[in-house]
Amino acid sequence: MSTPVVDAAAKTVTHLGKTFVMRPLAEDTFTVLIDGVPVGRAVYTFGAANAVPEKDGPVSEDDLYAVAEAWFAATIVPEE
């Protein structure tokens, strides 16, 4: 199993040989793109990462969840 690698400065996550670009829609909501094409959404709600793949998209829900979880683990600062 591959572990996603986050580059927060570039707003990308590399996973399974693909580079996912994280385009912010709101503070904790992102459109996830591959080569400029949206493949899903990543949303951080109630302390958990959630992923919604595009219908009939090229990325499985499990892979998109892995990307979302890695992204938010690397970029969300826990509240004190």
N, C-alpha and C. Protein backbone atom coordinates (compact mmCIF):
# COMPACT_ATOMS: atom_id res chain seq x y z
N MET A 1 0.85 -1.19 0.00
CA MET A 1 0.00 0.00 0.00
C MET A 1 0.89 1.24 0.00
N SER A 2 0.52 2.21 -0.79
CA SER A 2 1.28 3.44 -0.93
C SER A 2 0.84 4.46 0.12
N THR A 3 1.80 5.22 0.63
CA THR A 3 1.50 6.29 1.58
C THR A 3 1.52 7.62 0.83
N PRO A 4 0.45 8.40 0.93
CA PRO A 4 0.43 9.70 0.26
C PRO A 4 1.50 10.63 0.81
N VAL A 5 2.08 11.45 -0.07
CA VAL A 5 3.10 12.42 0.30
C VAL A 5 2.55 13.81 0.02
N VAL A 6 2.50 14.63 1.06
CA VAL A 6 1.93 15.98 0.96
C VAL A 6 3.02 17.02 0.75
N ASP A 7 2.79 17.93 -0.18
CA ASP A 7 3.61 19.13 -0.35
C ASP A 7 2.67 20.31 -0.13
N ALA A 8 2.59 20.77 1.12
CA ALA A 8 1.64 21.83 1.48
C ALA A 8 1.93 23.13 0.73
N ALA A 9 3.19 23.45 0.52
CA ALA A 9 3.54 24.69 -0.18
C ALA A 9 3.04 24.68 -1.63
N ALA A 10 3.14 23.53 -2.27
CA ALA A 10 2.69 23.40 -3.66
C ALA A 10 1.21 23.04 -3.76
N LYS A 11 0.59 22.76 -2.60
CA LYS A 11 -0.82 22.33 -2.53
C LYS A 11 -1.05 21.07 -3.36
N THR A 12 -0.17 20.07 -3.16
CA THR A 12 -0.30 18.80 -3.87
C THR A 12 -0.15 17.63 -2.91
N VAL A 13 -0.72 16.51 -3.33
CA VAL A 13 -0.53 15.23 -2.65
C VAL A 13 -0.18 14.23 -3.74
N THR A 14 0.93 13.51 -3.56
CA THR A 14 1.32 12.47 -4.51
C THR A 14 0.93 11.14 -3.91
N HIS A 15 0.19 10.35 -4.69
CA HIS A 15 -0.31 9.06 -4.21
C HIS A 15 -0.52 8.14 -5.40
N LEU A 16 -0.02 6.91 -5.30
CA LEU A 16 -0.18 5.89 -6.33
C LEU A 16 0.30 6.38 -7.70
N GLY A 17 1.39 7.15 -7.69
CA GLY A 17 1.97 7.62 -8.94
C GLY A 17 1.25 8.80 -9.58
N LYS A 18 0.27 9.36 -8.88
CA LYS A 18 -0.49 10.49 -9.40
C LYS A 18 -0.26 11.71 -8.51
N THR A 19 -0.29 12.89 -9.11
CA THR A 19 -0.21 14.12 -8.35
C THR A 19 -1.58 14.76 -8.30
N PHE A 20 -2.09 14.89 -7.09
CA PHE A 20 -3.40 15.48 -6.83
C PHE A 20 -3.19 16.93 -6.42
N VAL A 21 -3.82 17.85 -7.11
CA VAL A 21 -3.72 19.27 -6.77
C VAL A 21 -4.94 19.61 -5.91
N MET A 22 -4.67 20.28 -4.79
CA MET A 22 -5.71 20.65 -3.84
C MET A 22 -6.07 22.12 -4.07
N ARG A 23 -7.21 22.38 -4.67
CA ARG A 23 -7.65 23.75 -4.94
C ARG A 23 -8.67 24.15 -3.88
N PRO A 24 -8.34 25.17 -3.07
CA PRO A 24 -9.25 25.55 -1.98
C PRO A 24 -10.55 26.16 -2.48
N LEU A 25 -11.65 25.73 -1.86
CA LEU A 25 -12.95 26.33 -2.09
C LEU A 25 -13.36 27.16 -0.87
N ALA A 26 -12.93 26.69 0.29
CA ALA A 26 -13.17 27.35 1.57
C ALA A 26 -12.02 26.93 2.48
N GLU A 27 -12.07 27.35 3.74
CA GLU A 27 -10.96 27.06 4.65
C GLU A 27 -10.66 25.56 4.75
N ASP A 28 -11.69 24.73 4.77
CA ASP A 28 -11.47 23.30 4.90
C ASP A 28 -12.28 22.49 3.88
N THR A 29 -12.39 23.05 2.68
CA THR A 29 -13.05 22.37 1.56
C THR A 29 -12.20 22.58 0.32
N PHE A 30 -11.88 21.49 -0.37
CA PHE A 30 -10.99 21.55 -1.53
C PHE A 30 -11.56 20.76 -2.70
N THR A 31 -11.37 21.29 -3.90
CA THR A 31 -11.56 20.49 -5.11
C THR A 31 -10.25 19.78 -5.35
N VAL A 32 -10.32 18.50 -5.66
CA VAL A 32 -9.12 17.70 -5.92
C VAL A 32 -9.03 17.48 -7.43
N LEU A 33 -7.87 17.84 -8.00
CA LEU A 33 -7.69 17.74 -9.45
C LEU A 33 -6.49 16.88 -9.81
N ILE A 34 -6.58 16.24 -10.95
CA ILE A 34 -5.44 15.57 -11.58
C ILE A 34 -5.34 16.15 -12.98
N ASP A 35 -4.18 16.69 -13.31
CA ASP A 35 -3.96 17.30 -14.63
C ASP A 35 -5.04 18.33 -14.97
N GLY A 36 -5.48 19.10 -13.97
CA GLY A 36 -6.46 20.15 -14.19
C GLY A 36 -7.91 19.68 -14.25
N VAL A 37 -8.14 18.39 -14.10
CA VAL A 37 -9.49 17.84 -14.17
C VAL A 37 -9.96 17.47 -12.77
N PRO A 38 -11.13 17.98 -12.33
CA PRO A 38 -11.63 17.63 -11.00
C PRO A 38 -11.94 16.14 -10.90
N VAL A 39 -11.44 15.53 -9.81
CA VAL A 39 -11.72 14.11 -9.57
C VAL A 39 -12.52 13.91 -8.29
N GLY A 40 -12.74 15.01 -7.54
CA GLY A 40 -13.53 14.89 -6.32
C GLY A 40 -13.36 16.09 -5.42
N ARG A 41 -13.90 15.95 -4.21
CA ARG A 41 -13.82 16.99 -3.19
C ARG A 41 -13.24 16.39 -1.91
N ALA A 42 -12.53 17.22 -1.17
CA ALA A 42 -12.02 16.84 0.15
C ALA A 42 -12.56 17.88 1.13
N VAL A 43 -13.21 17.40 2.19
CA VAL A 43 -13.84 18.29 3.17
C VAL A 43 -13.46 17.83 4.57
N TYR A 44 -13.12 18.78 5.42
CA TYR A 44 -12.80 18.49 6.81
C TYR A 44 -13.97 18.95 7.66
N THR A 45 -14.72 18.00 8.24
CA THR A 45 -15.87 18.34 9.06
C THR A 45 -15.89 17.49 10.32
N PHE A 46 -16.27 18.12 11.42
CA PHE A 46 -16.40 17.43 12.70
C PHE A 46 -15.15 16.65 13.06
N GLY A 47 -13.97 17.22 12.75
CA GLY A 47 -12.71 16.60 13.12
C GLY A 47 -12.27 15.43 12.27
N ALA A 48 -12.87 15.27 11.10
CA ALA A 48 -12.50 14.14 10.24
C ALA A 48 -12.44 14.57 8.77
N ALA A 49 -11.54 13.92 8.05
CA ALA A 49 -11.44 14.14 6.61
C ALA A 49 -12.51 13.32 5.90
N ASN A 50 -13.14 13.92 4.93
CA ASN A 50 -14.15 13.24 4.12
C ASN A 50 -13.81 13.47 2.65
N ALA A 51 -14.16 12.51 1.82
CA ALA A 51 -13.88 12.62 0.39
C ALA A 51 -15.10 12.21 -0.40
N VAL A 52 -15.34 12.95 -1.48
CA VAL A 52 -16.45 12.66 -2.38
C VAL A 52 -15.90 12.62 -3.80
N PRO A 53 -15.77 11.43 -4.37
CA PRO A 53 -15.25 11.35 -5.74
C PRO A 53 -16.29 11.80 -6.76
N GLU A 54 -15.81 12.27 -7.90
CA GLU A 54 -16.71 12.60 -9.00
C GLU A 54 -17.33 11.30 -9.51
N LYS A 55 -18.56 11.38 -9.94
CA LYS A 55 -19.24 10.20 -10.47
C LYS A 55 -18.47 9.68 -11.68
N ASP A 56 -18.22 8.38 -11.68
CA ASP A 56 -17.50 7.72 -12.78
C ASP A 56 -16.11 8.32 -13.00
N GLY A 57 -15.51 8.85 -11.94
CA GLY A 57 -14.19 9.44 -12.03
C GLY A 57 -13.09 8.39 -12.06
N PRO A 58 -11.87 8.81 -12.34
CA PRO A 58 -10.75 7.89 -12.46
C PRO A 58 -10.12 7.48 -11.12
N VAL A 59 -10.66 8.01 -10.01
CA VAL A 59 -10.06 7.77 -8.70
C VAL A 59 -11.10 7.10 -7.80
N SER A 60 -10.68 6.03 -7.12
CA SER A 60 -11.62 5.34 -6.22
C SER A 60 -11.87 6.18 -4.97
N GLU A 61 -12.97 5.90 -4.32
CA GLU A 61 -13.30 6.61 -3.08
C GLU A 61 -12.23 6.36 -2.02
N ASP A 62 -11.73 5.13 -1.92
CA ASP A 62 -10.68 4.81 -0.95
C ASP A 62 -9.41 5.62 -1.20
N ASP A 63 -9.01 5.73 -2.46
CA ASP A 63 -7.81 6.50 -2.78
C ASP A 63 -8.01 7.99 -2.50
N LEU A 64 -9.18 8.50 -2.81
CA LEU A 64 -9.46 9.90 -2.53
C LEU A 64 -9.50 10.17 -1.02
N TYR A 65 -10.03 9.22 -0.24
CA TYR A 65 -10.00 9.36 1.22
C TYR A 65 -8.56 9.40 1.73
N ALA A 66 -7.70 8.56 1.18
CA ALA A 66 -6.30 8.55 1.59
C ALA A 66 -5.65 9.91 1.32
N VAL A 67 -5.96 10.49 0.17
CA VAL A 67 -5.43 11.82 -0.19
C VAL A 67 -5.96 12.87 0.78
N ALA A 68 -7.27 12.86 1.02
CA ALA A 68 -7.88 13.84 1.92
C ALA A 68 -7.33 13.71 3.35
N GLU A 69 -7.22 12.49 3.84
CA GLU A 69 -6.71 12.29 5.20
C GLU A 69 -5.27 12.78 5.32
N ALA A 70 -4.44 12.49 4.34
CA ALA A 70 -3.05 12.95 4.37
C ALA A 70 -2.99 14.47 4.31
N TRP A 71 -3.80 15.07 3.44
CA TRP A 71 -3.80 16.52 3.28
C TRP A 71 -4.17 17.21 4.59
N PHE A 72 -5.27 16.80 5.17
CA PHE A 72 -5.72 17.48 6.38
C PHE A 72 -4.83 17.17 7.58
N ALA A 73 -4.24 16.00 7.63
CA ALA A 73 -3.30 15.68 8.72
C ALA A 73 -2.08 16.60 8.65
N ALA A 74 -1.70 16.97 7.43
CA ALA A 74 -0.51 17.81 7.26
C ALA A 74 -0.81 19.31 7.36
N THR A 75 -2.07 19.70 7.16
CA THR A 75 -2.36 21.13 7.05
C THR A 75 -3.28 21.71 8.12
N ILE A 76 -4.02 20.88 8.80
CA ILE A 76 -4.94 21.38 9.83
C ILE A 76 -4.18 21.48 11.15
N VAL A 77 -4.22 22.66 11.73
CA VAL A 77 -3.57 22.87 13.04
C VAL A 77 -4.62 22.59 14.11
N PRO A 78 -4.33 21.62 15.00
CA PRO A 78 -5.31 21.31 16.06
C PRO A 78 -5.58 22.52 16.95
N GLU A 79 -6.85 22.66 17.30
CA GLU A 79 -7.23 23.76 18.21
C GLU A 79 -6.81 23.41 19.62
N GLU A 80 -6.39 24.43 20.36
CA GLU A 80 -5.97 24.19 21.75
C GLU A 80 -7.08 24.50 22.70
